[in-house]
Structures are given as structure tokens and as C-alpha cells.
Protein backbone atom coordinates (compact mmCIF):
# COMPACT_ATOMS: atom_id res chain seq x y z
CA UNK A 1 0.00 0.00 0.00
CA UNK A 2 1.29 3.48 -0.83
CA UNK A 3 0.19 7.00 0.07
CA UNK A 4 -0.78 9.77 -2.40
CA UNK A 5 2.90 10.29 -3.29
CA UNK A 6 3.53 6.59 -4.00
CA UNK A 7 5.58 6.24 -0.82
CA UNK A 8 5.10 2.70 0.50
CA UNK A 9 3.54 2.44 3.95
CA UNK A 10 6.67 0.88 5.51
CA UNK A 11 8.82 3.76 4.21
CA UNK A 12 6.33 6.42 5.30
CA UNK A 13 6.39 4.99 8.83
CA UNK A 14 10.21 4.87 8.84
CA UNK A 15 10.57 8.46 7.59
CA UNK A 16 7.95 9.80 10.02
CA UNK A 17 9.85 8.17 12.90
CA UNK A 18 13.18 9.59 11.66
CA UNK A 19 12.09 13.11 10.68
CA UNK A 20 10.24 14.55 13.66
CA UNK A 21 11.20 18.15 12.78
CA UNK A 22 11.98 19.83 9.46
CA UNK A 23 15.14 18.26 8.02
CA UNK A 24 16.23 21.71 6.81
CA UNK A 25 15.35 24.37 9.38
CA UNK A 26 14.78 22.09 12.39
CA UNK A 27 11.44 23.67 13.32
CA UNK A 28 8.71 21.53 14.84
CA UNK A 29 5.83 20.67 12.53
CA UNK A 30 2.42 22.20 13.19
CA UNK A 31 -1.00 21.14 11.94
CA UNK A 32 -1.86 22.83 8.63
CA UNK A 33 -4.83 24.52 10.33
CA UNK A 34 -2.42 26.31 12.70
CA UNK A 35 0.27 27.33 10.19
CA UNK A 36 0.63 26.32 6.58
CA UNK A 37 4.29 27.43 6.59
CA UNK A 38 5.41 24.93 9.24
CA UNK A 39 3.02 22.12 8.30
CA UNK A 40 4.60 18.81 7.21
CA UNK A 41 5.58 18.37 3.58
CA UNK A 42 7.10 15.40 1.76
CA UNK A 43 10.45 16.18 0.21
CA UNK A 44 12.39 14.45 -2.56
CA UNK A 45 15.96 15.47 -1.74
CA UNK A 46 16.99 14.70 -5.31
CA UNK A 47 14.21 16.33 -7.33
CA UNK A 48 12.98 13.14 -8.97
CA UNK A 49 9.66 11.82 -7.75
CA UNK A 50 10.55 8.38 -9.12
CA UNK A 51 13.35 7.99 -6.55
CA UNK A 52 11.40 6.69 -3.57
CA UNK A 53 14.08 5.51 -1.17
CA UNK A 54 14.90 6.17 2.49
CA UNK A 55 17.87 8.23 1.26
CA UNK A 56 15.73 10.49 -0.94
CA UNK A 57 12.45 10.88 0.95
CA UNK A 58 12.30 13.24 3.93
CA UNK A 59 9.88 15.45 5.83
CA UNK A 60 10.34 19.18 5.86
CA UNK A 61 8.15 22.18 6.55
CA UNK A 62 6.17 23.67 3.67
CA UNK A 63 8.17 26.89 3.89
CA UNK A 64 11.46 25.11 3.21
CA UNK A 65 9.93 22.83 0.56
CA UNK A 66 8.40 25.78 -1.24
CA UNK A 67 11.67 27.71 -1.14
CA UNK A 68 13.77 24.77 -2.35
CA UNK A 69 11.38 23.85 -5.15
CA UNK A 70 13.30 22.12 -7.94
CA UNK A 71 16.69 23.57 -6.96
CA UNK A 72 19.63 21.31 -6.36
CA UNK A 73 20.34 21.09 -2.64
CA UNK A 74 23.82 22.63 -2.84
CA UNK A 75 22.47 25.61 -4.83
CA UNK A 76 19.47 26.11 -2.53
CA UNK A 77 21.67 26.12 0.59
CA UNK A 78 23.32 29.29 -0.77
CA UNK A 79 19.98 31.08 -1.22
CA UNK A 80 18.71 34.16 0.56
CA UNK A 81 16.01 32.03 2.20
CA UNK A 82 18.61 29.73 3.80
CA UNK A 83 20.73 32.67 4.93
CA UNK A 84 17.69 34.38 6.50
CA UNK A 85 16.61 31.17 8.26
CA UNK A 86 20.06 30.08 9.43
CA UNK A 87 20.03 26.93 7.31
CA UNK A 88 23.56 25.73 6.61
CA UNK A 89 25.37 22.53 5.69
CA UNK A 90 26.19 22.17 9.38
CA UNK A 91 22.66 22.79 10.69
CA UNK A 92 20.63 20.39 8.51
CA UNK A 93 19.55 16.89 9.56
CA UNK A 94 21.89 13.91 9.06
CA UNK A 95 19.89 12.65 6.06
CA UNK A 96 20.56 15.97 4.30
CA UNK A 97 24.24 15.97 5.31
CA UNK A 98 24.57 12.53 3.69
CA UNK A 99 22.95 13.80 0.48
CA UNK A 100 25.38 16.75 0.44
CA UNK A 101 28.32 14.39 0.97
CA UNK A 102 27.08 12.38 -2.03
CA UNK A 103 27.15 15.42 -4.31
CA UNK A 104 23.68 16.89 -3.95
């Protein structure tokens, strides 16, 4: 069984257990009714929705996901948004650090 984004149930459970805050800015997730900016959003670290692996699927806030869009991770980390929000190579979650180390 998969969710609306074709993420298998077992992987969705694993990622939800791993990513309890935004993998980029580290902020706690809020219900969409409270704040759409910090609500949970599925993220493909490599911008290819066909790559559905534990290394490429993460949870981030809608603000970060919207800002990153289709940008490559290394390019996005240099953006004004990241600078304003204190998002750096050192501050991101381990899953993102691994993607950076692998050339993303």
C-alpha cells in the first residue's frame, strides 16, 4: 500500500519516525490549520519523484519545501532564504548531510 505520493507504507512509517522536525530548518511541525508554513511536507531530496528511497524521501516544513522547489540542494543552501533562516550545511539533519556528501 502506498500514500498519495507513491511512498510505500513501511517507508512512510520509517521516515515519520526519523524526521520529527523539518530536516532543513529544524522547526517543529504544526497542523496545517495552525500554520501552513510549518506544516509537514514530503520532500524528494533529489528532485525526482521516481526515486522513492529512504535516502531520498524526507519530511520538511512547507516553507522550506516551497523555497527549495526544484533547486539542487547545494544551490538552494546558498539562497537568501537559507541565509535568513540560518540553514547551513552544518545545521541540517543527518539525512541531508549525507545527500550533500554524495554530491547533492
